[in-house]
Protein backbone atom coordinates (compact mmCIF):
# COMPACT_ATOMS: atom_id res chain seq x y z
CA MET A 1 -11.85 10.35 56.69
CA GLU A 2 -13.90 13.46 55.87
CA ARG A 3 -17.07 12.76 53.95
CA LYS A 4 -17.20 14.56 50.62
CA THR A 5 -20.97 15.06 50.64
CA THR A 6 -22.88 16.00 53.79
CA VAL A 7 -26.27 17.50 54.74
CA GLN A 8 -26.40 20.15 57.49
CA LYS A 9 -29.19 22.13 59.10
CA TRP A 10 -28.89 25.92 58.87
CA LYS A 11 -30.76 28.87 60.38
CA ILE A 12 -30.89 31.81 58.00
CA ARG A 13 -32.81 34.91 59.08
CA GLY A 14 -34.89 32.81 61.41
CA GLN A 15 -35.80 30.25 58.76
CA THR A 16 -34.61 26.66 58.69
CA GLN A 17 -32.80 25.51 55.56
CA TRP A 18 -30.80 22.45 54.65
CA ALA A 19 -27.38 22.68 53.01
CA VAL A 20 -25.70 19.99 50.94
CA HIS A 21 -21.93 20.33 51.16
CA ARG A 22 -19.91 18.97 48.23
CA VAL A 23 -16.47 19.26 46.64
CA GLU A 24 -16.37 20.66 43.08
CA ALA A 25 -13.16 21.44 41.17
CA GLY A 26 -11.22 21.02 44.40
CA LYS A 27 -13.28 23.58 46.30
CA ARG A 28 -15.85 23.13 49.06
CA LYS A 29 -19.31 24.27 47.95
CA ARG A 30 -22.89 24.02 49.21
CA ILE A 31 -26.42 24.19 47.90
CA PHE A 32 -29.40 25.20 50.09
CA PHE A 33 -32.80 23.52 50.10
CA ASP A 34 -36.03 24.42 51.90
CA THR A 35 -36.69 20.86 53.04
CA LYS A 36 -34.50 18.08 54.39
CA LYS A 37 -36.11 15.67 51.94
CA ALA A 38 -34.89 17.70 48.97
CA ALA A 39 -31.41 18.05 50.49
CA ASP A 40 -31.17 14.30 51.19
CA ALA A 41 -32.21 13.55 47.60
CA GLU A 42 -29.45 15.80 46.21
CA ALA A 43 -26.87 14.33 48.58
CA SER A 44 -27.91 10.80 47.63
CA LEU A 45 -27.47 11.63 43.94
CA LEU A 46 -24.01 13.10 44.53
CA ARG A 47 -22.95 10.12 46.63
CA SER A 48 -24.17 7.77 43.91
CA GLN A 49 -22.13 9.65 41.33
CA GLN A 50 -19.14 9.50 43.63
CA ALA A 51 -19.51 5.76 44.06
CA THR A 52 -19.81 5.26 40.31
CA ALA A 53 -17.16 7.66 39.02
CA GLY A 54 -15.01 8.13 42.09
CA ASP A 55 -13.80 11.38 43.54
CA VAL A 56 -12.50 12.55 40.16
CA TRP A 57 -15.97 13.11 38.76
CA LEU A 58 -16.99 15.25 41.71
CA THR A 59 -13.88 17.39 41.45
CA LEU A 60 -14.82 18.39 37.89
CA SER A 61 -16.73 21.55 37.15
CA ALA A 62 -20.19 21.36 35.66
CA ALA A 63 -18.82 22.48 32.27
CA GLU A 64 -16.15 19.75 32.32
CA ARG A 65 -18.71 17.09 33.17
CA GLN A 66 -20.95 18.23 30.34
CA ARG A 67 -18.02 18.13 27.91
CA LEU A 68 -17.13 14.57 28.93
CA ILE A 69 -20.71 13.43 28.49
CA GLN A 70 -20.83 15.01 25.02
CA VAL A 71 -17.55 13.38 23.96
CA HIS A 72 -18.75 10.00 25.20
CA TYR A 73 -22.00 10.36 23.26
CA GLU A 74 -20.22 11.32 20.03
CA ALA A 75 -17.77 8.43 20.41
CA GLN A 76 -20.66 5.98 20.78
CA GLN A 77 -22.32 7.35 17.65
CA LEU A 78 -19.10 6.90 15.65
CA GLY A 79 -18.31 3.49 17.08
CA VAL A 80 -15.05 4.74 18.65
CA ASP A 81 -13.70 3.02 21.75
CA LEU A 82 -12.32 5.86 23.89
CA ALA A 83 -10.18 3.52 25.99
CA GLU A 84 -8.63 2.01 22.87
CA LEU A 85 -8.08 5.49 21.42
CA LEU A 86 -6.31 6.63 24.58
CA ALA A 87 -4.16 3.49 24.65
CA ASP A 88 -3.16 4.09 21.02
CA TRP A 89 -2.24 7.69 21.83
CA LYS A 90 -0.08 6.55 24.76
CA ARG A 91 1.78 4.05 22.57
CA ARG A 92 2.50 6.60 19.86
CA PRO A 93 5.94 8.21 20.11
CA ARG A 94 5.74 11.90 20.81
CA PHE A 95 7.01 14.33 18.18
CA THR A 96 8.07 17.77 19.38
CA GLY A 97 9.77 19.19 16.28
CA THR A 98 8.41 21.10 13.29
CA SER A 99 6.47 18.93 10.85
CA PRO A 100 5.87 20.11 7.25
CA ALA A 101 2.66 19.56 5.30
CA LEU A 102 2.04 16.16 3.70
CA GLU A 103 2.15 17.55 0.15
CA LYS A 104 5.58 19.07 0.79
CA VAL A 105 7.00 15.80 2.13
CA ILE A 106 5.65 13.90 -0.90
CA ALA A 107 7.40 16.35 -3.21
CA GLU A 108 10.61 15.90 -1.21
CA VAL A 109 10.57 12.10 -1.25
CA LEU A 110 9.95 11.99 -5.02
CA ALA A 111 12.79 14.45 -5.64
CA ALA A 112 15.07 12.39 -3.38
CA LYS A 113 14.29 9.19 -5.31
CA VAL A 114 15.15 10.87 -8.62
CA ALA A 115 18.36 12.29 -7.15
CA THR A 116 19.48 8.83 -5.99
CA GLY A 117 19.08 7.26 -9.42
CA ARG A 118 15.58 5.81 -9.33
CA SER A 119 13.94 5.46 -12.72
CA ALA A 120 11.14 7.71 -13.94
CA ARG A 121 8.85 4.68 -14.04
CA TYR A 122 9.49 3.98 -10.35
CA THR A 123 8.88 7.57 -9.25
CA GLU A 124 5.66 7.67 -11.29
CA SER A 125 4.42 4.45 -9.68
CA LEU A 126 5.29 5.87 -6.25
CA ALA A 127 3.67 9.27 -6.86
CA ILE A 128 0.25 7.87 -7.82
CA PRO A 129 -0.68 6.19 -4.48
CA LEU A 130 0.97 8.93 -2.41
CA ASN A 131 -1.08 11.62 -4.12
CA GLN A 132 -4.22 9.52 -3.71
CA PHE A 133 -3.52 9.25 0.02
CA ALA A 134 -2.84 12.99 0.27
CA LYS A 135 -6.16 14.01 -1.29
CA GLY A 136 -8.01 16.07 1.32
CA ARG A 137 -5.00 15.91 3.66
CA GLU A 138 -2.52 17.97 1.64
CA ARG A 139 -2.00 20.71 4.24
CA LEU A 140 -1.96 18.48 7.32
CA PRO A 141 1.43 18.16 9.07
CA ILE A 142 2.74 14.68 8.38
CA ALA A 143 3.35 14.17 12.11
CA ASN A 144 -0.40 14.47 12.71
CA LEU A 145 -1.33 11.51 10.49
CA SER A 146 -2.29 8.43 12.48
CA VAL A 147 -2.76 4.71 12.00
CA ARG A 148 -6.48 5.36 11.53
CA ASP A 149 -5.78 7.73 8.62
CA VAL A 150 -3.73 5.05 6.89
CA GLU A 151 -6.26 2.31 7.67
CA SER A 152 -9.20 4.31 6.34
CA PHE A 153 -7.32 4.90 3.07
CA LEU A 154 -6.31 1.25 2.65
CA ASN A 155 -9.77 -0.03 3.58
CA SER A 156 -11.20 1.96 0.66
CA LYS A 157 -9.13 -0.17 -1.75
CA ASN A 158 -9.53 -3.78 -2.79
CA LEU A 159 -7.73 -6.40 -0.73
CA ARG A 160 -5.29 -7.38 -3.49
CA SER A 161 -3.89 -3.86 -3.89
CA ARG A 162 -3.50 -3.04 -0.18
CA GLN A 163 -0.14 -4.75 0.26
CA THR A 164 1.44 -2.66 -2.50
CA LEU A 165 -0.19 0.56 -1.27
CA ARG A 166 0.98 -0.11 2.28
CA ALA A 167 4.54 -0.52 1.02
CA ARG A 168 4.35 2.79 -0.86
CA LEU A 169 3.02 4.65 2.19
CA SER A 170 5.67 3.03 4.36
CA THR A 171 8.31 4.46 2.01
CA LEU A 172 6.86 7.94 2.62
CA PHE A 173 6.79 7.62 6.42
CA ARG A 174 10.30 6.11 6.62
CA PHE A 175 11.55 9.11 4.66
CA ALA A 176 9.74 11.45 7.09
CA ILE A 177 11.41 9.73 10.05
CA ARG A 178 14.85 10.06 8.46
CA ARG A 179 14.22 13.77 7.88
CA GLY A 180 13.04 14.27 11.47
CA TYR A 181 9.46 15.15 10.47
CA ARG A 182 7.80 12.52 12.67
CA ALA A 183 8.75 9.93 15.27
CA ASP A 184 7.19 6.72 13.97
CA ASN A 185 5.91 4.82 10.93
CA PRO A 186 2.17 4.10 11.34
CA CYS A 187 2.39 1.34 8.70
CA ASP A 188 4.40 -0.74 11.19
CA ARG A 189 1.28 -1.11 13.36
CA LEU A 190 -1.08 -2.26 10.62
CA GLU A 191 -2.34 -5.82 10.34
CA SER A 192 -0.62 -7.66 7.50
CA VAL A 193 -2.69 -8.62 4.46
CA LYS A 194 -2.98 -12.35 3.76
CA LEU A 195 -3.75 -13.29 0.17
CA ILE A 196 -4.01 -16.56 -1.68
CA LYS A 197 -1.62 -16.10 -4.57
CA ASN A 198 -2.98 -17.47 -7.82
CA PRO A 199 -0.65 -19.00 -10.43
CA PRO A 200 0.58 -16.45 -12.97
CA ALA A 201 -1.45 -16.12 -16.16
CA ILE A 202 0.27 -17.42 -19.30
CA LEU A 203 -0.52 -17.57 -23.00
CA THR A 204 -1.48 -20.91 -24.52
CA VAL A 205 0.40 -22.20 -27.54
CA GLU A 206 -2.51 -21.29 -29.81
CA GLN A 207 -2.82 -17.78 -28.34
CA THR A 208 0.90 -17.23 -28.85
CA ARG A 209 0.59 -18.42 -32.45
CA LYS A 210 -2.24 -15.93 -33.09
CA CYS A 211 -0.16 -13.07 -31.65
CA LEU A 212 2.86 -13.95 -33.80
CA ASP A 213 0.75 -14.24 -36.96
CA TRP A 214 -0.86 -10.84 -36.34
CA LEU A 215 2.41 -9.07 -35.46
CA ASP A 216 4.12 -10.57 -38.52
CA SER A 217 1.32 -9.85 -40.98
CA LYS A 218 0.89 -6.27 -39.75
CA ARG A 219 4.65 -5.64 -39.65
CA SER A 220 4.01 -4.32 -36.16
CA ARG A 221 6.55 -1.99 -34.57
CA ALA A 222 6.14 -4.08 -31.39
CA PHE A 223 7.04 -7.40 -33.05
CA GLY A 224 10.59 -7.49 -31.61
CA TRP A 225 9.37 -6.42 -28.17
CA PHE A 226 6.85 -9.27 -28.08
CA VAL A 227 9.49 -11.85 -29.04
CA LEU A 228 11.98 -10.61 -26.45
CA THR A 229 9.54 -10.92 -23.58
CA THR A 230 7.58 -14.00 -24.77
CA PHE A 231 10.50 -16.18 -25.90
CA ALA A 232 13.57 -14.72 -24.13
CA GLY A 233 11.80 -13.92 -20.85
CA LEU A 234 12.77 -10.27 -20.56
CA ARG A 235 10.55 -8.13 -18.38
CA PRO A 236 8.22 -6.02 -20.56
CA GLU A 237 10.03 -2.83 -19.54
CA GLU A 238 13.43 -4.43 -20.20
CA ALA A 239 12.35 -5.52 -23.66
CA GLU A 240 11.03 -2.03 -24.34
CA HIS A 241 14.47 -0.49 -23.68
CA THR A 242 16.59 -3.15 -25.39
CA ALA A 243 18.17 -2.08 -28.70
CA TRP A 244 18.95 -4.23 -31.74
CA ASP A 245 22.68 -3.76 -31.21
CA GLN A 246 22.33 -5.50 -27.83
CA ILE A 247 21.21 -8.71 -29.58
CA HIS A 248 24.19 -10.74 -30.84
CA PHE A 249 22.77 -12.99 -33.58
CA ASP A 250 26.05 -14.72 -34.42
CA GLU A 251 26.63 -15.96 -30.86
CA SER A 252 22.95 -16.11 -29.85
CA TRP A 253 22.86 -13.92 -26.76
CA ILE A 254 21.07 -10.78 -25.58
CA ARG A 255 22.65 -8.18 -23.33
CA VAL A 256 20.30 -6.57 -20.81
CA GLU A 257 21.86 -3.38 -19.47
CA ALA A 258 21.70 -2.52 -15.77
CA GLN A 259 19.83 0.77 -16.30
CA THR A 260 16.97 -1.07 -18.01
CA THR A 261 16.48 -3.79 -15.39
CA LYS A 262 14.23 -3.76 -12.37
CA VAL A 263 17.08 -4.80 -10.06
CA ARG A 264 19.72 -2.54 -11.69
CA GLN A 265 22.00 -5.48 -12.53
CA ARG A 266 23.41 -6.20 -15.97
CA ARG A 267 22.88 -9.73 -17.28
CA VAL A 268 23.35 -11.73 -20.49
CA VAL A 269 20.54 -13.99 -21.70
CA TYR A 270 21.22 -17.06 -23.84
CA PRO A 271 17.71 -17.73 -25.15
CA HIS A 272 16.18 -20.72 -26.89
CA ALA A 273 16.95 -21.04 -30.59
CA THR A 274 13.29 -20.31 -31.34
CA ALA A 275 13.66 -16.87 -29.77
CA MET A 276 16.62 -16.00 -31.99
CA ALA A 277 14.77 -17.19 -35.09
CA TRP A 278 11.77 -15.00 -34.33
CA LEU A 279 14.03 -12.02 -33.53
CA ARG A 280 15.63 -12.33 -36.97
CA ARG A 281 12.14 -12.37 -38.51
CA ALA A 282 11.04 -9.32 -36.48
CA LYS A 283 14.12 -7.34 -37.48
CA LYS A 284 13.59 -8.21 -41.14
CA GLN A 285 9.98 -6.99 -40.85
CA GLY A 286 11.16 -3.60 -39.56
CA ALA A 287 10.23 -3.99 -35.89
CA GLU A 288 11.53 -1.21 -33.64
CA LEU A 289 13.96 -1.70 -30.76
CA PRO A 290 14.06 0.10 -28.45
CA LEU A 291 10.32 0.64 -28.57
CA ALA A 292 8.47 3.75 -27.41
CA ARG A 293 5.79 3.20 -24.80
CA GLN A 294 2.88 4.34 -26.96
CA PRO A 295 3.40 1.77 -29.78
CA ARG A 296 3.77 -0.92 -27.15
CA ARG A 297 0.46 0.04 -25.51
CA ARG A 298 -1.25 0.20 -28.88
CA ALA A 299 -0.01 -3.28 -29.80
CA ILE A 300 -1.16 -4.70 -26.45
CA ARG A 301 -4.66 -3.27 -27.00
CA MET A 302 -4.82 -4.93 -30.42
CA LEU A 303 -3.54 -8.27 -29.10
CA ARG A 304 -5.99 -8.11 -26.21
CA THR A 305 -8.85 -7.69 -28.68
CA LEU A 306 -7.45 -10.45 -30.89
CA LEU A 307 -7.42 -12.94 -27.98
CA GLY A 308 -10.71 -11.74 -26.46
CA PHE A 309 -9.16 -10.63 -23.17
CA ALA A 310 -11.04 -8.10 -21.04
CA ILE A 311 -7.67 -6.96 -19.71
CA TRP A 312 -4.09 -7.81 -20.64
CA PRO A 313 -2.74 -9.91 -17.72
CA LYS A 314 0.27 -8.33 -16.03
CA ASP A 315 3.59 -9.72 -17.34
CA VAL A 316 1.73 -12.53 -19.15
CA THR A 317 4.40 -12.78 -21.87
CA ARG A 318 7.32 -13.13 -19.43
CA HIS A 319 5.33 -15.63 -17.34
CA SER A 320 4.75 -17.65 -20.50
CA ALA A 321 8.46 -17.73 -21.36
CA ALA A 322 9.42 -18.84 -17.84
CA SER A 323 6.77 -21.58 -17.69
CA TYR A 324 7.46 -23.16 -21.09
CA TRP A 325 11.24 -22.77 -20.70
CA LEU A 326 11.30 -24.51 -17.30
CA ALA A 327 9.04 -27.34 -18.47
CA ASP A 328 11.19 -27.92 -21.55
CA SER A 329 14.71 -27.88 -20.08
CA GLY A 330 14.23 -28.41 -16.35
CA ASN A 331 17.40 -26.40 -15.70
CA ALA A 332 16.02 -24.03 -13.08
CA ALA A 333 19.38 -22.46 -12.21
CA GLN A 334 20.19 -21.49 -15.79
CA ILE A 335 16.69 -20.16 -16.49
CA ALA A 336 16.58 -18.17 -13.23
CA THR A 337 19.86 -16.48 -14.20
CA ALA A 338 18.45 -15.65 -17.64
CA LEU A 339 15.27 -14.21 -16.13
CA GLY A 340 17.12 -12.20 -13.49
CA HIS A 341 15.63 -13.62 -10.32
CA SER A 342 16.26 -16.46 -7.87
CA GLU A 343 15.87 -20.16 -8.55
CA ASN A 344 13.47 -20.40 -5.61
CA VAL A 345 11.17 -17.76 -7.14
CA LEU A 346 11.25 -19.58 -10.46
CA ARG A 347 10.25 -22.93 -8.98
CA LYS A 348 7.60 -21.43 -6.70
CA ASN A 349 5.84 -19.51 -9.48
CA TYR A 350 6.35 -21.50 -12.67
CA MET A 351 6.82 -25.18 -11.81
CA ALA A 352 4.31 -27.50 -13.53
CA LEU A 353 2.17 -24.78 -15.10
CA VAL A 354 2.46 -26.57 -18.46
CA THR A 355 3.36 -30.09 -19.54
CA LYS A 356 6.50 -31.20 -21.30
CA ALA A 357 4.49 -31.83 -24.48
CA GLN A 358 2.99 -28.33 -24.39
CA ALA A 359 6.44 -26.84 -23.89
CA GLN A 360 7.84 -28.72 -26.87
CA GLU A 361 4.94 -27.51 -29.02
CA PHE A 362 5.55 -23.92 -27.84
CA TRP A 363 9.25 -23.97 -28.76
CA GLN A 364 8.45 -25.45 -32.18
CA LEU A 365 6.33 -22.44 -33.11
């Protein structure tokens, strides 16, 4: 086999010189030296490079070698594994179509959700994380966004919120795939978040009593809303949209319309007698149903101050109703139907959060 690097003696204009023959960019080249020692040193260096990097390195031009060295240096400074990066690029499906800017796709997905009947509350909750992700990337084609872009965004958030944010971003990328804007969903290649789920926060009997006394004495507009979610177990948003004519006092049931529910399914709730008694009191006191969002928020701020909470725990009133109701009756199937979720979810989240005695005290309020 022909040697790639050789040293030969030359006579040029009567003078002896030594030439080092090498292959560079696929072409045979040579460098001349005045002494054999210098030529041997150069040949030894080239052979060493060939042994280390193989023939490929020697076929590169000087400019290409310099560029590779620079890229390697920058990757080391940034802590990037070039082999891992190349492997990730090979695994990624190739997209050859036209990909619109990220901000345009976000606008499209939000419009599509509205057009297919999603609530304004849902589209608002979807828009917030998508716009956060888009900040600084608005004009980038969505096909150019990688797993690393998604990871860097999620890693900037606390661990508890990452699961929800990942789901929102996955909604965006699935939409882009359906529209033909990219070939894959980078969220599918993320590590899943593992969290220890704490029991839901609930109000104590005494805290509930304080809330009722304040709402009653102040003739609060949110009095009926609080009763619906704390004693009948409606979701806060469901209670907010429930009207007085959907509460049948004579037969003791509450109709929750499909358009107000999270799962878009109509249901009828047969609440505890205590709930109906407090609803009569709230209506007599002039409480408003349905309730606008602003009065609800104002009432929550006042109740939070009353109870000394730094923040109002999410869905604390509904969690309270489920916990005390299950402990009192033990009929998980009936209560799950009233709450609008599965019996398994009810038992997993609310079983044994309070005692039977505490439940009886709660329903005697």
